[in-house]
Amino acid sequence: DSYTHLSQASLARDILARHDMTDCNPCKLPMEPGRHLLYSDRPAVPDVLRRQKYQEIVGALQYLCTWTRP
């Protein structure tokens, strides 16, 4: 019997490595339950580089989840 095995693990590892996140631990929720974000929690001056890095990571994950599915 021959079969084809598709996996996204390699791309996921590449995304984590590209963004220095290989030592991160998985979690079920992005923050603790019941936490409310306040306007005063945000920085007075936005960090453009941090925002760009966040957008790159989210875009790569969206690509992984949306466009690479069999």
Protein backbone atom coordinates (compact mmCIF):
# COMPACT_ATOMS: atom_id res chain seq x y z
CA ASP A 1 0.00 0.00 0.00
CA SER A 2 1.29 3.46 -0.85
CA TYR A 3 0.03 6.60 0.76
CA THR A 4 0.82 10.30 0.97
CA HIS A 5 1.44 11.95 4.32
CA LEU A 6 0.90 15.71 4.59
CA SER A 7 2.23 17.62 7.55
CA GLN A 8 2.48 21.27 8.54
CA ALA A 9 4.91 20.59 11.40
CA SER A 10 7.98 21.66 9.44
CA LEU A 11 6.43 25.00 8.46
CA ALA A 12 5.24 25.57 12.03
CA ARG A 13 8.77 24.92 13.36
CA ASP A 14 10.20 27.30 10.73
CA ILE A 15 7.79 30.06 11.79
CA LEU A 16 8.72 29.59 15.45
CA ALA A 17 12.44 29.62 14.65
CA ARG A 18 12.16 32.70 12.42
CA HIS A 19 10.60 34.64 15.30
CA ASP A 20 12.83 33.26 18.10
CA MET A 21 9.92 31.42 19.71
CA THR A 22 11.26 27.84 19.75
CA ASP A 23 11.46 27.88 23.57
CA CYS A 24 7.86 29.05 24.05
CA ASN A 25 5.38 26.83 25.86
CA PRO A 26 1.90 26.11 24.50
CA CYS A 27 -1.14 27.37 26.39
CA LYS A 28 -4.87 26.98 25.95
CA LEU A 29 -5.66 30.68 26.46
CA PRO A 30 -3.60 33.73 25.47
CA MET A 31 -4.10 35.31 28.91
CA GLU A 32 -5.61 34.45 32.25
CA PRO A 33 -9.41 34.10 32.35
CA GLY A 34 -11.29 37.11 33.67
CA ARG A 35 -8.51 39.58 32.80
CA HIS A 36 -9.84 42.88 31.45
CA LEU A 37 -7.64 45.09 29.32
CA LEU A 38 -7.78 48.76 30.15
CA TYR A 39 -7.00 51.76 28.00
CA SER A 40 -4.34 52.69 30.57
CA ASP A 41 -2.58 49.33 29.98
CA ARG A 42 -1.41 50.34 26.52
CA PRO A 43 1.86 52.22 26.03
CA ALA A 44 1.77 56.00 25.62
CA VAL A 45 3.82 55.74 22.42
CA PRO A 46 3.19 52.73 20.14
CA ASP A 47 6.24 50.58 19.37
CA VAL A 48 6.25 50.34 15.58
CA LEU A 49 8.78 47.48 15.44
CA ARG A 50 6.89 45.43 18.00
CA ARG A 51 3.64 45.93 16.08
CA GLN A 52 5.32 44.92 12.82
CA LYS A 53 6.77 41.75 14.37
CA TYR A 54 3.34 40.86 15.79
CA GLN A 55 1.73 41.36 12.37
CA GLU A 56 4.39 39.15 10.73
CA ILE A 57 3.81 36.34 13.23
CA VAL A 58 0.01 36.52 12.92
CA GLY A 59 0.24 36.63 9.12
CA ALA A 60 2.51 33.58 9.04
CA LEU A 61 0.15 31.66 11.32
CA GLN A 62 -2.85 32.64 9.21
CA TYR A 63 -1.03 31.38 6.12
CA LEU A 64 -0.21 28.12 7.91
CA CYS A 65 -3.81 27.58 9.04
CA THR A 66 -5.60 28.77 5.90
CA TRP A 67 -3.55 28.20 2.78
CA THR A 68 -1.57 25.06 3.62
CA ARG A 69 -4.49 22.82 4.56
CA PRO A 70 -4.93 19.73 2.40
